[in-house]
N, C-alpha and C. Protein backbone atom coordinates (compact mmCIF):
# COMPACT_ATOMS: atom_id res chain seq x y z
N MET A 1 97.82 78.41 84.75
CA MET A 1 97.32 79.62 85.07
C MET A 1 98.26 80.91 84.48
N PRO A 2 97.50 81.60 83.86
CA PRO A 2 97.84 82.83 83.19
C PRO A 2 98.58 83.72 84.18
N LEU A 3 99.62 84.46 83.76
CA LEU A 3 100.02 85.77 84.39
C LEU A 3 99.86 86.67 83.97
N ARG A 4 99.69 87.87 84.88
CA ARG A 4 99.49 89.17 84.23
C ARG A 4 100.53 90.06 85.19
N ALA A 5 100.73 91.31 84.37
CA ALA A 5 101.68 92.10 85.24
C ALA A 5 101.10 93.56 84.46
N ILE A 6 101.44 94.52 85.69
CA ILE A 6 101.19 95.98 85.56
C ILE A 6 102.56 96.52 85.94
N ALA A 7 103.06 97.70 85.13
CA ALA A 7 103.89 98.83 85.46
C ALA A 7 103.38 100.01 85.77
N TYR A 8 103.42 100.85 86.83
CA TYR A 8 103.55 102.16 86.89
C TYR A 8 104.22 103.18 87.53
N ALA A 9 104.09 104.27 87.36
CA ALA A 9 105.39 105.19 87.84
C ALA A 9 103.92 106.50 88.68
N SER A 10 104.69 106.71 89.40
CA SER A 10 103.92 107.64 90.16
C SER A 10 104.84 108.86 91.62
N GLU A 11 104.09 109.72 91.68
CA GLU A 11 104.93 110.77 92.45
C GLU A 11 104.77 110.59 93.92
N ALA A 12 105.52 110.44 94.87
CA ALA A 12 105.31 110.39 96.17
C ALA A 12 104.66 111.37 96.78
N ILE A 13 104.03 111.46 97.88
CA ILE A 13 103.52 112.43 98.41
C ILE A 13 104.71 113.50 99.26
N PRO A 14 104.53 114.98 99.12
CA PRO A 14 105.58 115.62 99.40
C PRO A 14 105.68 115.42 101.03
N GLY A 15 106.95 115.39 101.59
CA GLY A 15 107.51 115.09 102.61
C GLY A 15 107.46 113.44 103.18
N LEU A 16 107.18 112.71 102.23
CA LEU A 16 107.35 111.39 102.30
C LEU A 16 108.64 110.97 103.00
N SER A 17 109.10 110.42 103.89
CA SER A 17 110.45 110.03 104.72
C SER A 17 110.61 108.73 104.24
N MET A 18 111.77 108.09 104.35
CA MET A 18 112.43 106.64 104.33
C MET A 18 111.62 105.69 105.35
N ASP A 19 111.33 105.74 106.37
CA ASP A 19 110.88 104.90 107.21
C ASP A 19 109.45 104.59 106.74
N PRO A 20 108.22 105.55 106.58
CA PRO A 20 107.05 104.97 105.75
C PRO A 20 107.19 104.24 104.57
N VAL A 21 108.14 104.74 103.83
CA VAL A 21 108.48 103.89 102.57
C VAL A 21 108.78 102.70 103.02
N ASP A 22 109.80 102.34 103.51
CA ASP A 22 110.13 101.08 104.29
C ASP A 22 108.75 100.23 104.93
N ASP A 23 108.02 100.78 105.48
CA ASP A 23 106.99 99.83 106.35
C ASP A 23 106.28 99.70 105.18
N LEU A 24 105.65 100.48 104.18
CA LEU A 24 104.68 100.17 103.08
C LEU A 24 105.43 98.98 102.05
N ALA A 25 106.80 98.92 102.05
CA ALA A 25 107.24 97.79 101.01
C ALA A 25 107.32 96.33 101.97
N ARG A 26 107.36 96.73 103.22
CA ARG A 26 107.16 95.68 104.00
C ARG A 26 105.91 94.59 103.84
N ALA A 27 104.74 95.60 104.37
CA ALA A 27 103.44 95.32 104.47
C ALA A 27 102.94 94.97 103.12
N ALA A 28 103.44 95.30 102.02
CA ALA A 28 103.14 94.97 100.54
C ALA A 28 103.66 93.89 100.09
N ALA A 29 104.95 93.45 100.97
CA ALA A 29 105.53 91.97 100.74
C ALA A 29 104.77 90.93 101.45
N ARG A 30 104.38 91.59 102.59
CA ARG A 30 103.31 90.22 103.32
C ARG A 30 102.17 90.09 102.16
N PHE A 31 101.49 90.86 101.90
CA PHE A 31 100.36 90.99 101.28
C PHE A 31 100.25 90.03 100.06
N ASN A 32 101.41 90.77 99.56
CA ASN A 32 101.50 90.02 97.97
C ASN A 32 101.87 88.72 98.04
N PHE A 33 102.66 88.24 99.36
CA PHE A 33 103.05 86.89 99.19
C PHE A 33 101.88 86.01 99.45
N GLU A 34 100.89 86.39 100.22
CA GLU A 34 99.52 85.54 100.48
C GLU A 34 98.90 85.55 99.04
N ALA A 35 99.40 86.49 98.27
CA ALA A 35 98.15 86.91 96.96
C ALA A 35 98.96 86.22 96.24
N GLY A 36 100.28 85.35 95.90
CA GLY A 36 100.88 84.95 94.98
C GLY A 36 101.56 85.88 93.89
N VAL A 37 101.32 87.51 94.16
CA VAL A 37 102.18 88.16 93.55
C VAL A 37 103.72 88.41 93.84
N THR A 38 104.40 89.10 92.88
CA THR A 38 105.84 89.43 92.77
C THR A 38 106.09 90.57 92.04
N GLY A 39 107.20 91.22 92.56
CA GLY A 39 107.34 92.40 91.89
C GLY A 39 108.36 93.07 92.49
N VAL A 40 108.71 94.68 91.88
CA VAL A 40 110.07 95.43 92.47
C VAL A 40 109.14 96.79 92.52
N LEU A 41 109.97 97.53 93.51
CA LEU A 41 109.34 98.91 93.69
C LEU A 41 110.65 99.84 93.77
N LEU A 42 110.91 100.49 92.62
CA LEU A 42 112.02 101.74 92.78
C LEU A 42 111.43 102.73 93.39
N TYR A 43 112.43 103.42 94.06
CA TYR A 43 111.81 104.87 94.52
C TYR A 43 113.25 105.72 94.71
N ASP A 44 113.13 106.93 94.46
CA ASP A 44 114.50 107.71 94.18
C ASP A 44 114.10 109.02 95.24
N GLY A 45 113.40 108.58 96.03
CA GLY A 45 113.13 109.94 97.46
C GLY A 45 112.07 110.87 96.59
N HIS A 46 111.45 110.96 95.55
CA HIS A 46 110.42 111.72 95.05
C HIS A 46 109.50 110.98 93.99
N ARG A 47 110.30 109.85 93.40
CA ARG A 47 109.30 109.19 92.57
C ARG A 47 109.09 107.54 92.66
N PHE A 48 108.09 106.95 92.40
CA PHE A 48 108.01 105.26 92.43
C PHE A 48 108.11 104.86 90.98
N LEU A 49 108.37 103.68 90.99
CA LEU A 49 108.31 102.77 89.77
C LEU A 49 107.93 101.78 90.42
N GLN A 50 106.88 100.96 90.00
CA GLN A 50 106.52 99.66 90.42
C GLN A 50 106.19 98.66 89.18
N TYR A 51 106.75 97.49 89.36
CA TYR A 51 106.05 96.27 88.46
C TYR A 51 106.06 94.93 89.28
N ILE A 52 104.75 95.00 89.20
CA ILE A 52 104.00 93.72 89.68
C ILE A 52 103.51 92.43 88.66
N GLU A 53 103.52 91.27 89.12
CA GLU A 53 103.20 90.17 88.39
C GLU A 53 102.71 89.18 89.21
N GLY A 54 101.55 88.44 88.70
CA GLY A 54 100.73 87.05 89.16
C GLY A 54 99.60 87.05 88.47
N PRO A 55 98.80 85.86 89.12
CA PRO A 55 97.78 85.75 88.54
C PRO A 55 96.54 86.89 88.62
N GLU A 56 96.03 86.94 87.54
CA GLU A 56 95.08 88.08 87.27
C GLU A 56 94.13 88.44 88.53
N ASP A 57 93.54 87.35 89.18
CA ASP A 57 92.65 87.94 90.09
C ASP A 57 93.74 88.75 91.26
N SER A 58 94.59 88.02 91.74
CA SER A 58 95.49 88.77 92.62
C SER A 58 96.16 89.90 92.43
N ILE A 59 96.54 90.06 90.98
CA ILE A 59 97.02 91.38 90.07
C ILE A 59 96.15 92.47 90.59
N ASN A 60 94.78 92.24 90.39
CA ASN A 60 93.57 92.91 90.42
C ASN A 60 93.52 93.75 91.64
N VAL A 61 93.58 92.83 92.85
CA VAL A 61 93.29 92.97 94.24
C VAL A 61 94.45 93.92 94.46
N VAL A 62 95.92 93.81 94.33
CA VAL A 62 97.17 94.41 94.70
C VAL A 62 96.90 95.47 93.98
N TYR A 63 96.44 95.65 92.80
CA TYR A 63 96.63 97.28 92.22
C TYR A 63 95.66 98.05 92.46
N SER A 64 94.22 97.54 93.15
CA SER A 64 93.19 98.03 93.61
C SER A 64 93.70 98.98 94.95
N ARG A 65 94.50 98.27 95.59
CA ARG A 65 95.22 98.60 96.75
C ARG A 65 96.35 99.88 96.66
N ILE A 66 96.97 99.36 95.68
CA ILE A 66 98.14 100.54 94.92
C ILE A 66 97.19 101.89 94.75
N LEU A 67 96.21 101.83 93.91
CA LEU A 67 95.35 102.83 93.56
C LEU A 67 94.86 103.61 94.56
N GLY A 68 94.70 102.81 95.54
CA GLY A 68 93.77 103.86 96.82
C GLY A 68 95.02 104.37 97.82
N ALA A 69 96.29 103.99 97.71
CA ALA A 69 97.10 104.25 98.31
C ALA A 69 97.36 105.88 98.67
N ARG A 70 97.74 106.20 99.77
CA ARG A 70 97.74 107.67 100.19
C ARG A 70 99.24 108.20 99.95
N SER A 71 100.22 107.65 99.78
CA SER A 71 101.61 107.71 99.64
C SER A 71 102.15 108.31 98.66
N HIS A 72 100.86 108.16 97.30
CA HIS A 72 101.81 108.62 95.79
C HIS A 72 100.41 109.16 95.42
N CYS A 73 100.91 109.95 94.18
CA CYS A 73 99.70 110.69 93.38
C CYS A 73 100.06 110.96 91.75
N GLU A 74 99.53 111.27 91.24
CA GLU A 74 99.93 111.20 89.85
C GLU A 74 100.04 110.02 88.94
N LEU A 75 99.43 108.74 89.52
CA LEU A 75 99.86 107.54 89.29
C LEU A 75 99.82 107.59 87.33
N LEU A 76 100.51 107.04 86.75
CA LEU A 76 100.58 107.05 85.32
C LEU A 76 100.92 105.36 84.99
N GLU A 77 100.07 104.91 84.42
CA GLU A 77 100.18 103.24 83.91
C GLU A 77 100.93 102.94 82.88
N LEU A 78 101.77 102.28 83.19
CA LEU A 78 103.10 102.34 82.01
C LEU A 78 102.88 101.29 81.04
N GLY A 79 102.26 100.02 81.46
CA GLY A 79 101.84 98.94 80.86
C GLY A 79 101.49 97.69 81.76
N ARG A 80 100.44 96.94 81.03
CA ARG A 80 99.57 95.78 81.47
C ARG A 80 99.48 94.84 80.44
N GLY A 81 99.58 93.57 81.01
CA GLY A 81 99.46 92.62 80.24
C GLY A 81 99.64 91.39 80.53
N ARG A 82 99.53 90.36 79.53
CA ARG A 82 100.10 89.25 79.92
C ARG A 82 101.40 88.79 79.82
N VAL A 83 102.24 87.97 80.74
CA VAL A 83 103.52 87.54 80.37
C VAL A 83 103.69 86.26 80.69
N SER A 84 104.69 85.85 80.07
CA SER A 84 104.86 84.30 79.65
C SER A 84 105.37 83.77 80.97
N GLY A 85 106.21 84.36 82.28
CA GLY A 85 106.89 83.77 83.16
C GLY A 85 107.16 85.19 84.00
N ARG A 86 107.36 84.65 85.12
CA ARG A 86 107.91 85.85 85.94
C ARG A 86 109.07 86.49 86.07
N PHE A 87 109.27 87.82 86.11
CA PHE A 87 110.51 88.27 85.57
C PHE A 87 111.23 88.73 87.42
N PHE A 88 110.55 88.77 88.62
CA PHE A 88 111.30 88.68 89.79
C PHE A 88 110.04 87.37 90.67
N PRO A 89 110.69 86.17 90.54
CA PRO A 89 109.90 84.94 90.80
C PRO A 89 110.14 84.46 92.62
N TYR A 90 111.31 85.52 93.08
CA TYR A 90 111.72 85.32 94.42
C TYR A 90 111.35 86.60 95.19
N TRP A 91 110.75 87.48 94.86
CA TRP A 91 110.60 88.93 95.63
C TRP A 91 109.06 89.03 95.73
N SER A 92 108.56 88.89 96.57
CA SER A 92 107.14 89.18 96.89
C SER A 92 106.75 90.68 96.69
N MET A 93 107.58 91.61 97.09
CA MET A 93 107.86 93.00 96.84
C MET A 93 109.38 93.37 97.40
N ARG A 94 110.15 93.91 96.36
CA ARG A 94 111.34 94.76 97.05
C ARG A 94 111.62 96.06 96.79
N LEU A 95 111.98 96.33 97.41
CA LEU A 95 112.20 98.12 97.32
C LEU A 95 113.67 98.44 97.04
N LEU A 96 113.80 99.15 96.18
CA LEU A 96 115.25 99.44 95.91
C LEU A 96 115.37 100.86 95.98
N TRP A 97 116.02 101.67 96.59
CA TRP A 97 116.19 102.88 96.30
C TRP A 97 117.16 103.07 95.17
N THR A 98 116.99 104.15 94.22
CA THR A 98 117.53 104.14 92.98
C THR A 98 117.83 105.83 92.98
N ASP A 99 118.40 105.95 91.56
CA ASP A 99 118.96 107.35 91.19
C ASP A 99 117.74 107.75 90.06
N PRO A 100 116.96 109.02 90.47
CA PRO A 100 115.93 109.35 89.77
C PRO A 100 116.27 109.17 88.09
N ALA A 101 117.49 109.22 87.58
CA ALA A 101 117.86 108.91 86.10
C ALA A 101 117.08 107.54 85.97
N ASP A 102 117.50 106.66 86.74
CA ASP A 102 117.06 105.24 86.26
C ASP A 102 115.40 105.30 86.23
N ILE A 103 115.02 105.79 87.04
CA ILE A 103 113.43 105.88 87.04
C ILE A 103 112.75 106.59 85.88
N ARG A 104 113.49 107.68 85.43
CA ARG A 104 113.16 108.17 84.09
C ARG A 104 113.40 107.42 82.92
N SER A 105 114.62 106.77 83.18
CA SER A 105 114.69 105.50 81.77
C SER A 105 113.83 104.38 81.57
N VAL A 106 113.57 103.91 82.89
CA VAL A 106 112.65 102.58 82.86
C VAL A 106 111.76 103.16 82.62
N ALA A 107 110.85 104.38 83.12
CA ALA A 107 109.42 104.87 82.68
C ALA A 107 109.27 105.24 81.30
N ARG A 108 110.39 105.55 80.61
CA ARG A 108 110.02 105.93 79.14
C ARG A 108 110.31 104.86 78.37
N GLY A 109 110.64 103.86 78.73
CA GLY A 109 111.22 102.68 77.96
C GLY A 109 109.94 102.04 77.41
N ASN A 110 109.96 101.10 76.47
CA ASN A 110 108.84 100.53 75.86
C ASN A 110 108.03 99.37 76.68
N TRP A 111 106.82 99.64 76.96
CA TRP A 111 105.95 98.85 77.95
C TRP A 111 105.03 98.00 77.24
N SER A 112 104.99 98.41 75.62
CA SER A 112 103.67 97.64 75.11
C SER A 112 104.28 96.55 74.96
N GLY A 113 103.40 95.65 75.15
CA GLY A 113 103.06 94.02 75.35
C GLY A 113 103.97 93.26 76.51
N LEU A 114 104.73 94.22 76.94
CA LEU A 114 105.45 93.69 78.41
C LEU A 114 106.32 92.39 78.27
N SER A 115 106.90 92.56 76.85
CA SER A 115 107.84 91.48 76.50
C SER A 115 109.43 91.72 77.29
N ARG A 116 110.15 90.70 77.26
CA ARG A 116 111.24 91.03 78.01
C ARG A 116 112.25 91.97 77.57
N GLY A 117 112.20 92.42 76.38
CA GLY A 117 113.02 93.16 75.60
C GLY A 117 112.09 94.72 76.32
N GLY A 118 112.55 95.61 75.65
CA GLY A 118 112.64 97.01 76.10
C GLY A 118 112.28 97.25 77.40
N ALA A 119 111.29 97.93 78.03
CA ALA A 119 111.47 98.23 79.29
C ALA A 119 111.87 97.59 80.45
N LEU A 120 111.14 95.98 80.24
CA LEU A 120 111.68 95.29 81.04
C LEU A 120 113.17 95.00 81.14
N ARG A 121 113.64 95.00 80.14
CA ARG A 121 115.33 94.78 80.08
C ARG A 121 115.61 95.73 80.86
N GLN A 122 115.42 97.03 80.59
CA GLN A 122 115.89 98.20 81.12
C GLN A 122 115.95 98.18 82.87
N LEU A 123 114.50 97.59 83.15
CA LEU A 123 114.27 97.39 84.47
C LEU A 123 115.26 96.40 85.17
N GLY A 124 115.64 95.42 84.61
CA GLY A 124 116.40 94.09 84.61
C GLY A 124 117.87 94.63 85.22
N GLN A 125 118.08 95.63 83.96
CA GLN A 125 119.35 96.17 84.31
C GLN A 125 119.79 97.33 85.46
N VAL A 126 118.65 97.98 86.15
CA VAL A 126 118.36 98.81 87.30
C VAL A 126 118.47 97.79 88.38
N VAL A 127 118.09 96.62 88.37
CA VAL A 127 117.96 95.71 89.30
C VAL A 127 118.97 94.90 89.47
N ALA A 128 119.71 94.25 88.35
CA ALA A 128 120.94 93.49 88.35
C ALA A 128 121.91 93.84 89.54
N PRO A 129 122.35 94.96 89.86
CA PRO A 129 123.46 95.03 90.84
C PRO A 129 122.63 94.91 92.55
N HIS A 130 121.56 94.70 92.57
CA HIS A 130 120.90 94.34 93.79
C HIS A 130 120.70 92.77 93.97
N LEU A 131 120.84 91.93 92.81
CA LEU A 131 120.81 90.73 93.18
C LEU A 131 121.68 89.93 93.89
N ALA A 132 123.11 90.45 93.83
CA ALA A 132 124.07 89.75 94.46
C ALA A 132 124.13 89.67 96.04
């Protein structure tokens, strides 16, 4: 079954605190687990960057939920496409608190084709310290 992935960046709604973001990530992890979707959500207190991967039908359902979420605005899709394998096979959704510079760097990366080079490599470098 071919895998698809989507990456996007968005602005958190003003006044969004840590607890609702943690709750959102836990709910997403449960939903994504059932849907067979994996990924990571970076958050710096003001901006999100999320990468999700999985079967096309499941990705479409999850992304529709993301588009309708009231926790963020100004969503910018960075990349979408077919991927040869999962980049985050063990995380149905992992929330990582990160520096604004990390989100800016990954968002500005090359997302065309969603290859393991470019922005995905940058994302992997931001995530690497959290793997241990």
